[in-house]
Structure formats: structure tokens, C-alpha cells
Amino acid sequence: MTGSDDRPAEDGAPKSAALANFERMLASGRDTALLRYSIGNEYAKLRDWDRACDALERAVVLDPDFTAAWKLYAKALEGSGDAPAALAAYRQGIEVAKRKGDRQAEKEMTVFARRIERALAGG
């Protein structure tokens, strides 16, 4: 997934005030992993999975050790219907969480990854 996160929400889809503010910040030249995560989170709340994926992919590129971004990125990929990519993102997030000692995130992503593995295996 690649693309611009500063485009408006889909026609007719309401934007939250927070999302509009985050996008103004991005348009002003601020581009950080936290800002991209925040934009992705707002799009996820709207269930606009493609835009959430775009923003969250950028977040993990900007900060590959951002555990929460990996978790939400995987969720957005799953929401968009790309279970194999979601599984790969969960696995990457699990490795990051292990390296950082974030046991709770590691456990949560492991549960979600196992669910996808079972679904992909037909069970």
C-alpha cells in the first residue's frame, strides 16, 4: 500500500475533527510516525481500511520499532481483506514487541496472528 494520506475522506464520509486537524498538520510539512499512526487510527475508526493502511504503512516505515503501529497496521490490512499481508504485519510486530520487551503487545498480536493462520488453513 502506498499513497497520500492528505486526501479527503471518501465522498459523503464524515471526517472527524481530529482527522482534519491531523491532515492539516501533515499538509504543513510535519511527517512523523506518530502523526501517521494517528491518521491511520482515525481512518480505522471510520472503517476506511485502505486509507488506514496507507497511513499506518508509512508510520512503520518512519519508525520500524513502533509496536502499536504494527498492531493497528495488521488490523487495517485484515479489515481491507488482505489476510496474508495482515499475518505478515502481525509477525513483524511480534518480532518488534519481543525485541522491545513489550509482552502485552506480543501476546495480543500472537493471538490475532493465530486466528488468521487458522482461517487461512481452513479451520
PDB file of N, CA and C in Angstrom:
ATOM      1  N   MET A   1       0.830  -1.177   0.000  1.00  0.00           N
ATOM      2  CA  MET A   1       0.000   0.000   0.000  1.00  0.00           C
ATOM      3  C   MET A   1       0.877   1.243   0.000  1.00  0.00           C
ATOM      4  N   THR A   2       0.582   2.101  -0.887  1.00  0.00           N
ATOM      5  CA  THR A   2       1.238   3.391  -0.879  1.00  0.00           C
ATOM      6  C   THR A   2       0.228   4.419  -1.301  1.00  0.00           C
ATOM      7  N   GLY A   3       0.502   5.654  -0.970  1.00  0.00           N
ATOM      8  CA  GLY A   3      -0.406   6.697  -1.393  1.00  0.00           C
ATOM      9  C   GLY A   3      -0.351   7.859  -0.449  1.00  0.00           C
ATOM     10  N   SER A   4      -1.149   8.833  -0.744  1.00  0.00           N
ATOM     11  CA  SER A   4      -1.186  10.053   0.050  1.00  0.00           C
ATOM     12  C   SER A   4      -2.255   9.956   1.105  1.00  0.00           C
ATOM     13  N   ASP A   5      -1.930  10.389   2.303  1.00  0.00           N
ATOM     14  CA  ASP A   5      -2.905  10.373   3.386  1.00  0.00           C
ATOM     15  C   ASP A   5      -3.536  11.739   3.583  1.00  0.00           C
ATOM     16  N   ASP A   6      -3.189  12.710   2.725  1.00  0.00           N
ATOM     17  CA  ASP A   6      -3.724  14.040   2.917  1.00  0.00           C
ATOM     18  C   ASP A   6      -4.926  14.316   2.020  1.00  0.00           C
ATOM     19  N   ARG A   7      -5.458  13.288   1.409  1.00  0.00           N
ATOM     20  CA  ARG A   7      -6.661  13.463   0.592  1.00  0.00           C
ATOM     21  C   ARG A   7      -7.894  13.437   1.486  1.00  0.00           C
ATOM     22  N   PRO A   8      -9.007  13.996   1.036  1.00  0.00           N
ATOM     23  CA  PRO A   8     -10.206  13.996   1.869  1.00  0.00           C
ATOM     24  C   PRO A   8     -10.795  12.602   1.988  1.00  0.00           C
ATOM     25  N   ALA A   9     -11.611  12.413   2.994  1.00  0.00           N
ATOM     26  CA  ALA A   9     -12.305  11.139   3.159  1.00  0.00           C
ATOM     27  C   ALA A   9     -13.189  10.913   1.940  1.00  0.00           C
ATOM     28  N   GLU A  10     -13.576   9.643   1.739  1.00  0.00           N
ATOM     29  CA  GLU A  10     -14.414   9.314   0.592  1.00  0.00           C
ATOM     30  C   GLU A  10     -15.643  10.207   0.556  1.00  0.00           C
ATOM     31  N   ASP A  11     -16.141  10.446  -0.643  1.00  0.00           N
ATOM     32  CA  ASP A  11     -17.318  11.305  -0.808  1.00  0.00           C
ATOM     33  C   ASP A  11     -18.419  10.881   0.145  1.00  0.00           C
ATOM     34  N   GLY A  12     -18.925  11.846   0.887  1.00  0.00           N
ATOM     35  CA  GLY A  12     -20.021  11.583   1.798  1.00  0.00           C
ATOM     36  C   GLY A  12     -19.604  11.060   3.152  1.00  0.00           C
ATOM     37  N   ALA A  13     -18.364  10.627   3.294  1.00  0.00           N
ATOM     38  CA  ALA A  13     -17.914  10.102   4.580  1.00  0.00           C
ATOM     39  C   ALA A  13     -17.518  11.270   5.481  1.00  0.00           C
ATOM     40  N   PRO A  14     -18.110  11.337   6.660  1.00  0.00           N
ATOM     41  CA  PRO A  14     -17.756  12.440   7.553  1.00  0.00           C
ATOM     42  C   PRO A  14     -16.345  12.260   8.092  1.00  0.00           C
ATOM     43  N   LYS A  15     -15.645  13.362   8.219  1.00  0.00           N
ATOM     44  CA  LYS A  15     -14.310  13.357   8.811  1.00  0.00           C
ATOM     45  C   LYS A  15     -14.425  13.840  10.239  1.00  0.00           C
ATOM     46  N   SER A  16     -13.681  13.217  11.106  1.00  0.00           N
ATOM     47  CA  SER A  16     -13.642  13.708  12.478  1.00  0.00           C
ATOM     48  C   SER A  16     -12.818  14.989  12.517  1.00  0.00           C
ATOM     49  N   ALA A  17     -13.067  15.779  13.534  1.00  0.00           N
ATOM     50  CA  ALA A  17     -12.274  16.999  13.719  1.00  0.00           C
ATOM     51  C   ALA A  17     -10.813  16.631  13.924  1.00  0.00           C
ATOM     52  N   ALA A  18     -10.568  15.539  14.635  1.00  0.00           N
ATOM     53  CA  ALA A  18      -9.187  15.108  14.872  1.00  0.00           C
ATOM     54  C   ALA A  18      -8.506  14.759  13.557  1.00  0.00           C
ATOM     55  N   LEU A  19      -9.193  14.030  12.690  1.00  0.00           N
ATOM     56  CA  LEU A  19      -8.610  13.645  11.412  1.00  0.00           C
ATOM     57  C   LEU A  19      -8.308  14.880  10.571  1.00  0.00           C
ATOM     58  N   ALA A  20      -9.224  15.812  10.525  1.00  0.00           N
ATOM     59  CA  ALA A  20      -8.994  17.044   9.767  1.00  0.00           C
ATOM     60  C   ALA A  20      -7.778  17.788  10.319  1.00  0.00           C
ATOM     61  N   ASN A  21      -7.655  17.839  11.631  1.00  0.00           N
ATOM     62  CA  ASN A  21      -6.514  18.502  12.252  1.00  0.00           C
ATOM     63  C   ASN A  21      -5.206  17.776  11.930  1.00  0.00           C
ATOM     64  N   PHE A  22      -5.211  16.457  12.032  1.00  0.00           N
ATOM     65  CA  PHE A  22      -4.004  15.678  11.727  1.00  0.00           C
ATOM     66  C   PHE A  22      -3.588  15.881  10.273  1.00  0.00           C
ATOM     67  N   GLU A  23      -4.559  15.910   9.371  1.00  0.00           N
ATOM     68  CA  GLU A  23      -4.230  16.086   7.966  1.00  0.00           C
ATOM     69  C   GLU A  23      -3.693  17.491   7.687  1.00  0.00           C
ATOM     70  N   ARG A  24      -4.200  18.493   8.410  1.00  0.00           N
ATOM     71  CA  ARG A  24      -3.637  19.846   8.283  1.00  0.00           C
ATOM     72  C   ARG A  24      -2.184  19.853   8.741  1.00  0.00           C
ATOM     73  N   MET A  25      -1.900  19.144   9.841  1.00  0.00           N
ATOM     74  CA  MET A  25      -0.528  19.071  10.334  1.00  0.00           C
ATOM     75  C   MET A  25       0.372  18.416   9.285  1.00  0.00           C
ATOM     76  N   LEU A  26      -0.104  17.344   8.672  1.00  0.00           N
ATOM     77  CA  LEU A  26       0.666  16.659   7.648  1.00  0.00           C
ATOM     78  C   LEU A  26       0.907  17.581   6.451  1.00  0.00           C
ATOM     79  N   ALA A  27      -0.129  18.286   6.035  1.00  0.00           N
ATOM     80  CA  ALA A  27      -0.020  19.192   4.896  1.00  0.00           C
ATOM     81  C   ALA A  27       0.958  20.340   5.171  1.00  0.00           C
ATOM     82  N   SER A  28       1.128  20.680   6.449  1.00  0.00           N
ATOM     83  CA  SER A  28       2.043  21.772   6.797  1.00  0.00           C
ATOM     84  C   SER A  28       3.501  21.323   6.803  1.00  0.00           C
ATOM     85  N   GLY A  29       3.736  20.049   6.528  1.00  0.00           N
ATOM     86  CA  GLY A  29       5.107  19.569   6.430  1.00  0.00           C
ATOM     87  C   GLY A  29       5.549  18.678   7.575  1.00  0.00           C
ATOM     88  N   ARG A  30       4.708  18.510   8.574  1.00  0.00           N
ATOM     89  CA  ARG A  30       5.061  17.605   9.671  1.00  0.00           C
ATOM     90  C   ARG A  30       4.742  16.185   9.230  1.00  0.00           C
ATOM     91  N   ASP A  31       5.720  15.326   9.288  1.00  0.00           N
ATOM     92  CA  ASP A  31       5.502  13.932   8.894  1.00  0.00           C
ATOM     93  C   ASP A  31       6.263  13.046   9.856  1.00  0.00           C
ATOM     94  N   THR A  32       5.562  12.562  10.856  1.00  0.00           N
ATOM     95  CA  THR A  32       6.169  11.696  11.858  1.00  0.00           C
ATOM     96  C   THR A  32       5.394  10.389  11.949  1.00  0.00           C
ATOM     97  N   ALA A  33       6.016   9.393  12.519  1.00  0.00           N
ATOM     98  CA  ALA A  33       5.346   8.111  12.701  1.00  0.00           C
ATOM     99  C   ALA A  33       4.100   8.269  13.568  1.00  0.00           C
ATOM    100  N   LEU A  34       4.205   9.072  14.617  1.00  0.00           N
ATOM    101  CA  LEU A  34       3.051   9.261  15.495  1.00  0.00           C
ATOM    102  C   LEU A  34       1.902   9.946  14.763  1.00  0.00           C
ATOM    103  N   LEU A  35       2.207  10.923  13.935  1.00  0.00           N
ATOM    104  CA  LEU A  35       1.159  11.603  13.173  1.00  0.00           C
ATOM    105  C   LEU A  35       0.513  10.638  12.191  1.00  0.00           C
ATOM    106  N   ARG A  36       1.311   9.868  11.492  1.00  0.00           N
ATOM    107  CA  ARG A  36       0.754   8.881  10.554  1.00  0.00           C
ATOM    108  C   ARG A  36      -0.072   7.825  11.295  1.00  0.00           C
ATOM    109  N   TYR A  37       0.400   7.402  12.453  1.00  0.00           N
ATOM    110  CA  TYR A  37      -0.372   6.458  13.273  1.00  0.00           C
ATOM    111  C   TYR A  37      -1.723   7.064  13.657  1.00  0.00           C
ATOM    112  N   SER A  38      -1.700   8.319  14.065  1.00  0.00           N
ATOM    113  CA  SER A  38      -2.929   8.995  14.475  1.00  0.00           C
ATOM    114  C   SER A  38      -3.907   9.109  13.316  1.00  0.00           C
ATOM    115  N   ILE A  39      -3.404   9.424  12.137  1.00  0.00           N
ATOM    116  CA  ILE A  39      -4.252   9.487  10.945  1.00  0.00           C
ATOM    117  C   ILE A  39      -4.816   8.092  10.636  1.00  0.00           C
ATOM    118  N   GLY A  40      -3.963   7.094  10.682  1.00  0.00           N
ATOM    119  CA  GLY A  40      -4.410   5.721  10.434  1.00  0.00           C
ATOM    120  C   GLY A  40      -5.454   5.273  11.425  1.00  0.00           C
ATOM    121  N   ASN A  41      -5.282   5.642  12.674  1.00  0.00           N
ATOM    122  CA  ASN A  41      -6.248   5.285  13.709  1.00  0.00           C
ATOM    123  C   ASN A  41      -7.605   5.923  13.434  1.00  0.00           C
ATOM    124  N   GLU A  42      -7.590   7.182  13.026  1.00  0.00           N
ATOM    125  CA  GLU A  42      -8.858   7.868  12.712  1.00  0.00           C
ATOM    126  C   GLU A  42      -9.546   7.221  11.513  1.00  0.00           C
ATOM    127  N   TYR A  43      -8.784   6.873  10.477  1.00  0.00           N
ATOM    128  CA  TYR A  43      -9.385   6.186   9.336  1.00  0.00           C
ATOM    129  C   TYR A  43      -9.902   4.798   9.733  1.00  0.00           C
ATOM    130  N   ALA A  44      -9.192   4.128  10.627  1.00  0.00           N
ATOM    131  CA  ALA A  44      -9.660   2.823  11.099  1.00  0.00           C
ATOM    132  C   ALA A  44     -10.998   2.962  11.826  1.00  0.00           C
ATOM    133  N   LYS A  45     -11.143   4.017  12.614  1.00  0.00           N
ATOM    134  CA  LYS A  45     -12.416   4.264  13.293  1.00  0.00           C
ATOM    135  C   LYS A  45     -13.556   4.429  12.296  1.00  0.00           C
ATOM    136  N   LEU A  46     -13.229   5.004  11.129  1.00  0.00           N
ATOM    137  CA  LEU A  46     -14.226   5.188  10.069  1.00  0.00           C
ATOM    138  C   LEU A  46     -14.378   3.938   9.197  1.00  0.00           C
ATOM    139  N   ARG A  47     -13.568   2.928   9.488  1.00  0.00           N
ATOM    140  CA  ARG A  47     -13.514   1.688   8.710  1.00  0.00           C
ATOM    141  C   ARG A  47     -13.114   1.941   7.254  1.00  0.00           C
ATOM    142  N   ASP A  48     -12.328   2.980   7.057  1.00  0.00           N
ATOM    143  CA  ASP A  48     -11.741   3.271   5.753  1.00  0.00           C
ATOM    144  C   ASP A  48     -10.377   2.590   5.746  1.00  0.00           C
ATOM    145  N   TRP A  49     -10.422   1.283   5.516  1.00  0.00           N
ATOM    146  CA  TRP A  49      -9.242   0.442   5.705  1.00  0.00           C
ATOM    147  C   TRP A  49      -8.110   0.774   4.739  1.00  0.00           C
ATOM    148  N   ASP A  50      -8.441   1.130   3.505  1.00  0.00           N
ATOM    149  CA  ASP A  50      -7.375   1.437   2.551  1.00  0.00           C
ATOM    150  C   ASP A  50      -6.573   2.661   2.985  1.00  0.00           C
ATOM    151  N   ARG A  51      -7.261   3.711   3.391  1.00  0.00           N
ATOM    152  CA  ARG A  51      -6.547   4.906   3.848  1.00  0.00           C
ATOM    153  C   ARG A  51      -5.834   4.644   5.176  1.00  0.00           C
ATOM    154  N   ALA A  52      -6.447   3.833   6.028  1.00  0.00           N
ATOM    155  CA  ALA A  52      -5.779   3.460   7.280  1.00  0.00           C
ATOM    156  C   ALA A  52      -4.485   2.718   6.969  1.00  0.00           C
ATOM    157  N   CYS A  53      -4.549   1.786   6.027  1.00  0.00           N
ATOM    158  CA  CYS A  53      -3.346   1.031   5.644  1.00  0.00           C
ATOM    159  C   CYS A  53      -2.260   1.947   5.105  1.00  0.00           C
ATOM    160  N   ASP A  54      -2.645   2.893   4.252  1.00  0.00           N
ATOM    161  CA  ASP A  54      -1.654   3.818   3.695  1.00  0.00           C
ATOM    162  C   ASP A  54      -0.929   4.572   4.805  1.00  0.00           C
ATOM    163  N   ALA A  55      -1.691   5.127   5.730  1.00  0.00           N
ATOM    164  CA  ALA A  55      -1.096   5.921   6.807  1.00  0.00           C
ATOM    165  C   ALA A  55      -0.242   5.056   7.725  1.00  0.00           C
ATOM    166  N   LEU A  56      -0.731   3.882   8.058  1.00  0.00           N
ATOM    167  CA  LEU A  56      -0.016   3.023   9.002  1.00  0.00           C
ATOM    168  C   LEU A  56       1.216   2.391   8.380  1.00  0.00           C
ATOM    169  N   GLU A  57       1.149   2.100   7.096  1.00  0.00           N
ATOM    170  CA  GLU A  57       2.350   1.607   6.414  1.00  0.00           C
ATOM    171  C   GLU A  57       3.454   2.662   6.498  1.00  0.00           C
ATOM    172  N   ARG A  58       3.075   3.906   6.290  1.00  0.00           N
ATOM    173  CA  ARG A  58       4.054   4.999   6.376  1.00  0.00           C
ATOM    174  C   ARG A  58       4.592   5.126   7.807  1.00  0.00           C
ATOM    175  N   ALA A  59       3.718   4.924   8.800  1.00  0.00           N
ATOM    176  CA  ALA A  59       4.145   5.009  10.201  1.00  0.00           C
ATOM    177  C   ALA A  59       5.235   3.985  10.502  1.00  0.00           C
ATOM    178  N   VAL A  60       5.060   2.743  10.040  1.00  0.00           N
ATOM    179  CA  VAL A  60       6.059   1.714  10.348  1.00  0.00           C
ATOM    180  C   VAL A  60       7.317   1.872   9.506  1.00  0.00           C
ATOM    181  N   VAL A  61       7.212   2.554   8.365  1.00  0.00           N
ATOM    182  CA  VAL A  61       8.413   2.883   7.598  1.00  0.00           C
ATOM    183  C   VAL A  61       9.210   3.954   8.343  1.00  0.00           C
ATOM    184  N   LEU A  62       8.498   4.959   8.839  1.00  0.00           N
ATOM    185  CA  LEU A  62       9.166   6.042   9.566  1.00  0.00           C
ATOM    186  C   LEU A  62       9.757   5.566  10.891  1.00  0.00           C
ATOM    187  N   ASP A  63       9.077   4.615  11.553  1.00  0.00           N
ATOM    188  CA  ASP A  63       9.571   4.085  12.830  1.00  0.00           C
ATOM    189  C   ASP A  63       9.291   2.589  12.886  1.00  0.00           C
ATOM    190  N   PRO A  64      10.225   1.778  12.392  1.00  0.00           N
ATOM    191  CA  PRO A  64      10.024   0.328  12.354  1.00  0.00           C
ATOM    192  C   PRO A  64       9.868  -0.320  13.736  1.00  0.00           C
ATOM    193  N   ASP A  65      10.171   0.404  14.810  1.00  0.00           N
ATOM    194  CA  ASP A  65      10.037  -0.134  16.162  1.00  0.00           C
ATOM    195  C   ASP A  65       8.763   0.331  16.865  1.00  0.00           C
ATOM    196  N   PHE A  66       7.817   0.882  16.133  1.00  0.00           N
ATOM    197  CA  PHE A  66       6.569   1.415  16.680  1.00  0.00           C
ATOM    198  C   PHE A  66       5.564   0.262  16.784  1.00  0.00           C
ATOM    199  N   THR A  67       5.591  -0.420  17.906  1.00  0.00           N
ATOM    200  CA  THR A  67       4.799  -1.629  18.104  1.00  0.00           C
ATOM    201  C   THR A  67       3.311  -1.406  17.868  1.00  0.00           C
ATOM    202  N   ALA A  68       2.759  -0.350  18.440  1.00  0.00           N
ATOM    203  CA  ALA A  68       1.324  -0.090  18.287  1.00  0.00           C
ATOM    204  C   ALA A  68       0.961   0.137  16.824  1.00  0.00           C
ATOM    205  N   ALA A  69       1.852   0.749  16.057  1.00  0.00           N
ATOM    206  CA  ALA A  69       1.584   0.965  14.639  1.00  0.00           C
ATOM    207  C   ALA A  69       1.535  -0.360  13.887  1.00  0.00           C
ATOM    208  N   TRP A  70       2.427  -1.288  14.233  1.00  0.00           N
ATOM    209  CA  TRP A  70       2.390  -2.606  13.595  1.00  0.00           C
ATOM    210  C   TRP A  70       1.070  -3.310  13.888  1.00  0.00           C
ATOM    211  N   LYS A  71       0.641  -3.227  15.129  1.00  0.00           N
ATOM    212  CA  LYS A  71      -0.609  -3.890  15.520  1.00  0.00           C
ATOM    213  C   LYS A  71      -1.806  -3.312  14.765  1.00  0.00           C
ATOM    214  N   LEU A  72      -1.898  -1.994  14.697  1.00  0.00           N
ATOM    215  CA  LEU A  72      -3.017  -1.364  14.007  1.00  0.00           C
ATOM    216  C   LEU A  72      -2.900  -1.539  12.494  1.00  0.00           C
ATOM    217  N   TYR A  73      -1.679  -1.527  11.978  1.00  0.00           N
ATOM    218  CA  TYR A  73      -1.466  -1.765  10.549  1.00  0.00           C
ATOM    219  C   TYR A  73      -1.982  -3.154  10.172  1.00  0.00           C
ATOM    220  N   ALA A  74      -1.638  -4.148  10.968  1.00  0.00           N
ATOM    221  CA  ALA A  74      -2.118  -5.506  10.698  1.00  0.00           C
ATOM    222  C   ALA A  74      -3.639  -5.570  10.756  1.00  0.00           C
ATOM    223  N   LYS A  75      -4.232  -4.897  11.742  1.00  0.00           N
ATOM    224  CA  LYS A  75      -5.696  -4.876  11.854  1.00  0.00           C
ATOM    225  C   LYS A  75      -6.316  -4.233  10.618  1.00  0.00           C
ATOM    226  N   ALA A  76      -5.721  -3.145  10.149  1.00  0.00           N
ATOM    227  CA  ALA A  76      -6.240  -2.459   8.962  1.00  0.00           C
ATOM    228  C   ALA A  76      -6.101  -3.345   7.723  1.00  0.00           C
ATOM    229  N   LEU A  77      -4.984  -4.027   7.592  1.00  0.00           N
ATOM    230  CA  LEU A  77      -4.807  -4.957   6.470  1.00  0.00           C
ATOM    231  C   LEU A  77      -5.857  -6.063   6.520  1.00  0.00           C
ATOM    232  N   GLU A  78      -6.113  -6.562   7.706  1.00  0.00           N
ATOM    233  CA  GLU A  78      -7.143  -7.587   7.860  1.00  0.00           C
ATOM    234  C   GLU A  78      -8.515  -7.009   7.491  1.00  0.00           C
ATOM    235  N   GLY A  79      -8.780  -5.793   7.949  1.00  0.00           N
ATOM    236  CA  GLY A  79     -10.047  -5.139   7.621  1.00  0.00           C
ATOM    237  C   GLY A  79     -10.222  -4.921   6.134  1.00  0.00           C
ATOM    238  N   SER A  80      -9.123  -4.699   5.431  1.00  0.00           N
ATOM    239  CA  SER A  80      -9.186  -4.480   3.984  1.00  0.00           C
ATOM    240  C   SER A  80      -9.333  -5.796   3.218  1.00  0.00           C
ATOM    241  N   GLY A  81      -9.248  -6.912   3.935  1.00  0.00           N
ATOM    242  CA  GLY A  81      -9.425  -8.210   3.298  1.00  0.00           C
ATOM    243  C   GLY A  81      -8.143  -8.899   2.884  1.00  0.00           C
ATOM    244  N   ASP A  82      -7.003  -8.367   3.274  1.00  0.00           N
ATOM    245  CA  ASP A  82      -5.712  -8.951   2.901  1.00  0.00           C
ATOM    246  C   ASP A  82      -5.130  -9.721   4.083  1.00  0.00           C
ATOM    247  N   ALA A  83      -5.692 -10.894   4.337  1.00  0.00           N
ATOM    248  CA  ALA A  83      -5.269 -11.701   5.483  1.00  0.00           C
ATOM    249  C   ALA A  83      -3.787 -12.086   5.424  1.00  0.00           C
ATOM    250  N   PRO A  84      -3.240 -12.501   4.265  1.00  0.00           N
ATOM    251  CA  PRO A  84      -1.812 -12.841   4.248  1.00  0.00           C
ATOM    252  C   PRO A  84      -0.916 -11.657   4.622  1.00  0.00           C
ATOM    253  N   ALA A  85      -1.236 -10.467   4.133  1.00  0.00           N
ATOM    254  CA  ALA A  85      -0.438  -9.289   4.487  1.00  0.00           C
ATOM    255  C   ALA A  85      -0.623  -8.941   5.960  1.00  0.00           C
ATOM    256  N   ALA A  86      -1.838  -9.120   6.468  1.00  0.00           N
ATOM    257  CA  ALA A  86      -2.089  -8.862   7.891  1.00  0.00           C
ATOM    258  C   ALA A  86      -1.257  -9.804   8.745  1.00  0.00           C
ATOM    259  N   LEU A  87      -1.223 -11.065   8.364  1.00  0.00           N
ATOM    260  CA  LEU A  87      -0.432 -12.045   9.102  1.00  0.00           C
ATOM    261  C   LEU A  87       1.051 -11.656   9.094  1.00  0.00           C
ATOM    262  N   ALA A  88       1.547 -11.245   7.937  1.00  0.00           N
ATOM    263  CA  ALA A  88       2.951 -10.822   7.843  1.00  0.00           C
ATOM    264  C   ALA A  88       3.214  -9.614   8.740  1.00  0.00           C
ATOM    265  N   ALA A  89       2.281  -8.667   8.775  1.00  0.00           N
ATOM    266  CA  ALA A  89       2.451  -7.480   9.624  1.00  0.00           C
ATOM    267  C   ALA A  89       2.392  -7.864  11.099  1.00  0.00           C
ATOM    268  N   TYR A  90       1.489  -8.759  11.468  1.00  0.00           N
ATOM    269  CA  TYR A  90       1.455  -9.220  12.862  1.00  0.00           C
ATOM    270  C   TYR A  90       2.776  -9.882  13.226  1.00  0.00           C
ATOM    271  N   ARG A  91       3.297 -10.710  12.351  1.00  0.00           N
ATOM    272  CA  ARG A  91       4.568 -11.387  12.644  1.00  0.00           C
ATOM    273  C   ARG A  91       5.704 -10.378  12.822  1.00  0.00           C
ATOM    274  N   GLN A  92       5.733  -9.364  11.978  1.00  0.00           N
ATOM    275  CA  GLN A  92       6.762  -8.327  12.122  1.00  0.00           C
ATOM    276  C   GLN A  92       6.568  -7.584  13.442  1.00  0.00           C
ATOM    277  N   GLY A  93       5.320  -7.253  13.757  1.00  0.00           N
ATOM    278  CA  GLY A  93       5.017  -6.572  15.014  1.00  0.00           C
ATOM    279  C   GLY A  93       5.393  -7.397  16.229  1.00  0.00           C
ATOM    280  N   ILE A  94       5.186  -8.704  16.143  1.00  0.00           N
ATOM    281  CA  ILE A  94       5.551  -9.604  17.241  1.00  0.00           C
ATOM    282  C   ILE A  94       7.061  -9.565  17.460  1.00  0.00           C
ATOM    283  N   GLU A  95       7.828  -9.571  16.371  1.00  0.00           N
ATOM    284  CA  GLU A  95       9.285  -9.511  16.488  1.00  0.00           C
ATOM    285  C   GLU A  95       9.725  -8.191  17.117  1.00  0.00           C
ATOM    286  N   VAL A  96       9.093  -7.104  16.714  1.00  0.00           N
ATOM    287  CA  VAL A  96       9.408  -5.793  17.294  1.00  0.00           C
ATOM    288  C   VAL A  96       9.080  -5.796  18.787  1.00  0.00           C
ATOM    289  N   ALA A  97       7.905  -6.312  19.132  1.00  0.00           N
ATOM    290  CA  ALA A  97       7.473  -6.339  20.536  1.00  0.00           C
ATOM    291  C   ALA A  97       8.434  -7.184  21.374  1.00  0.00           C
ATOM    292  N   LYS A  98       8.861  -8.322  20.843  1.00  0.00           N
ATOM    293  CA  LYS A  98       9.822  -9.168  21.557  1.00  0.00           C
ATOM    294  C   LYS A  98      11.122  -8.413  21.804  1.00  0.00           C
ATOM    295  N   ARG A  99      11.614  -7.766  20.769  1.00  0.00           N
ATOM    296  CA  ARG A  99      12.879  -7.040  20.869  1.00  0.00           C
ATOM    297  C   ARG A  99      12.786  -5.909  21.888  1.00  0.00           C
ATOM    298  N   LYS A 100      11.623  -5.272  21.961  1.00  0.00           N
ATOM    299  CA  LYS A 100      11.439  -4.143  22.866  1.00  0.00           C
ATOM    300  C   LYS A 100      10.980  -4.575  24.263  1.00  0.00           C
ATOM    301  N   GLY A 101      10.649  -5.840  24.437  1.00  0.00           N
ATOM    302  CA  GLY A 101      10.173  -6.312  25.731  1.00  0.00           C
ATOM    303  C   GLY A 101       8.719  -5.939  26.014  1.00  0.00           C
ATOM    304  N   ASP A 102       7.950  -5.666  24.976  1.00  0.00           N
ATOM    305  CA  ASP A 102       6.533  -5.304  25.117  1.00  0.00           C
ATOM    306  C   ASP A 102       5.699  -6.579  25.101  1.00  0.00           C
ATOM    307  N   ARG A 103       5.640  -7.229  26.256  1.00  0.00           N
ATOM    308  CA  ARG A 103       4.997  -8.543  26.357  1.00  0.00           C
ATOM    309  C   ARG A 103       3.504  -8.498  26.046  1.00  0.00           C
ATOM    310  N   GLN A 104       2.806  -7.461  26.468  1.00  0.00           N
ATOM    311  CA  GLN A 104       1.371  -7.386  26.223  1.00  0.00           C
ATOM    312  C   GLN A 104       1.079  -7.295  24.722  1.00  0.00           C
ATOM    313  N   ALA A 105       1.763  -6.434  24.027  1.00  0.00           N
ATOM    314  CA  ALA A 105       1.557  -6.313  22.579  1.00  0.00           C
ATOM    315  C   ALA A 105       1.932  -7.616  21.879  1.00  0.00           C
ATOM    316  N   GLU A 106       3.000  -8.234  22.324  1.00  0.00           N
ATOM    317  CA  GLU A 106       3.421  -9.512  21.743  1.00  0.00           C
ATOM    318  C   GLU A 106       2.321 -10.559  21.902  1.00  0.00           C
ATOM    319  N   LYS A 107       1.754 -10.661  23.097  1.00  0.00           N
ATOM    320  CA  LYS A 107       0.690 -11.633  23.351  1.00  0.00           C
ATOM    321  C   LYS A 107      -0.546 -11.353  22.503  1.00  0.00           C
ATOM    322  N   GLU A 108      -0.956 -10.079  22.451  1.00  0.00           N
ATOM    323  CA  GLU A 108      -2.148  -9.719  21.674  1.00  0.00           C
ATOM    324  C   GLU A 108      -1.960 -10.040  20.198  1.00  0.00           C
ATOM    325  N   MET A 109      -0.828  -9.631  19.638  1.00  0.00           N
ATOM    326  CA  MET A 109      -0.602  -9.877  18.213  1.00  0.00           C
ATOM    327  C   MET A 109      -0.454 -11.362  17.916  1.00  0.00           C
ATOM    328  N   THR A 110       0.083 -12.130  18.856  1.00  0.00           N
ATOM    329  CA  THR A 110       0.193 -13.573  18.672  1.00  0.00           C
ATOM    330  C   THR A 110      -1.189 -14.203  18.569  1.00  0.00           C
ATOM    331  N   VAL A 111      -2.113 -13.779  19.420  1.00  0.00           N
ATOM    332  CA  VAL A 111      -3.493 -14.287  19.363  1.00  0.00           C
ATOM    333  C   VAL A 111      -4.121 -13.959  18.013  1.00  0.00           C
ATOM    334  N   PHE A 112      -3.984 -12.708  17.565  1.00  0.00           N
ATOM    335  CA  PHE A 112      -4.580 -12.299  16.289  1.00  0.00           C
ATOM    336  C   PHE A 112      -3.941 -13.053  15.118  1.00  0.00           C
ATOM    337  N   ALA A 113      -2.623 -13.235  15.167  1.00  0.00           N
ATOM    338  CA  ALA A 113      -1.927 -13.957  14.101  1.00  0.00           C
ATOM    339  C   ALA A 113      -2.395 -15.407  14.041  1.00  0.00           C
ATOM    340  N   ARG A 114      -2.568 -16.034  15.187  1.00  0.00           N
ATOM    341  CA  ARG A 114      -3.030 -17.429  15.209  1.00  0.00           C
ATOM    342  C   ARG A 114      -4.430 -17.564  14.612  1.00  0.00           C
ATOM    343  N   ARG A 115      -5.278 -16.602  14.875  1.00  0.00           N
ATOM    344  CA  ARG A 115      -6.632 -16.625  14.292  1.00  0.00           C
ATOM    345  C   ARG A 115      -6.560 -16.584  12.773  1.00  0.00           C
ATOM    346  N   ILE A 116      -5.702 -15.732  12.257  1.00  0.00           N
ATOM    347  CA  ILE A 116      -5.550 -15.648  10.804  1.00  0.00           C
ATOM    348  C   ILE A 116      -4.959 -16.938  10.258  1.00  0.00           C
ATOM    349  N   GLU A 117      -3.947 -17.482  10.936  1.00  0.00           N
ATOM    350  CA  GLU A 117      -3.333 -18.733  10.488  1.00  0.00           C
ATOM    351  C   GLU A 117      -4.384 -19.850  10.400  1.00  0.00           C
ATOM    352  N   ARG A 118      -5.235 -19.927  11.421  1.00  0.00           N
ATOM    353  CA  ARG A 118      -6.292 -20.951  11.402  1.00  0.00           C
ATOM    354  C   ARG A 118      -7.266 -20.709  10.250  1.00  0.00           C
ATOM    355  N   ALA A 119      -7.641 -19.461  10.057  1.00  0.00           N
ATOM    356  CA  ALA A 119      -8.581 -19.141   8.963  1.00  0.00           C
ATOM    357  C   ALA A 119      -7.971 -19.454   7.608  1.00  0.00           C
ATOM    358  N   LEU A 120      -6.707 -19.124   7.416  1.00  0.00           N
ATOM    359  CA  LEU A 120      -6.055 -19.394   6.156  1.00  0.00           C
ATOM    360  C   LEU A 120      -5.871 -20.896   5.926  1.00  0.00           C
ATOM    361  N   ALA A 121      -5.754 -21.651   7.009  1.00  0.00           N
ATOM    362  CA  ALA A 121      -5.608 -23.101   6.901  1.00  0.00           C
ATOM    363  C   ALA A 121      -6.955 -23.800   6.705  1.00  0.00           C
ATOM    364  N   GLY A 122      -8.013 -23.008   6.736  1.00  0.00           N
ATOM    365  CA  GLY A 122      -9.344 -23.582   6.512  1.00  0.00           C
ATOM    366  C   GLY A 122     -10.014 -24.060   7.782  1.00  0.00           C
ATOM    367  N   GLY A 123      -9.493 -23.660   8.904  1.00  0.00           N
ATOM    368  CA  GLY A 123     -10.048 -24.140  10.169  1.00  0.00           C
ATOM    369  C   GLY A 123     -10.460 -23.041  11.012  1.00  0.00           C
TER     370      GLY A 123
END
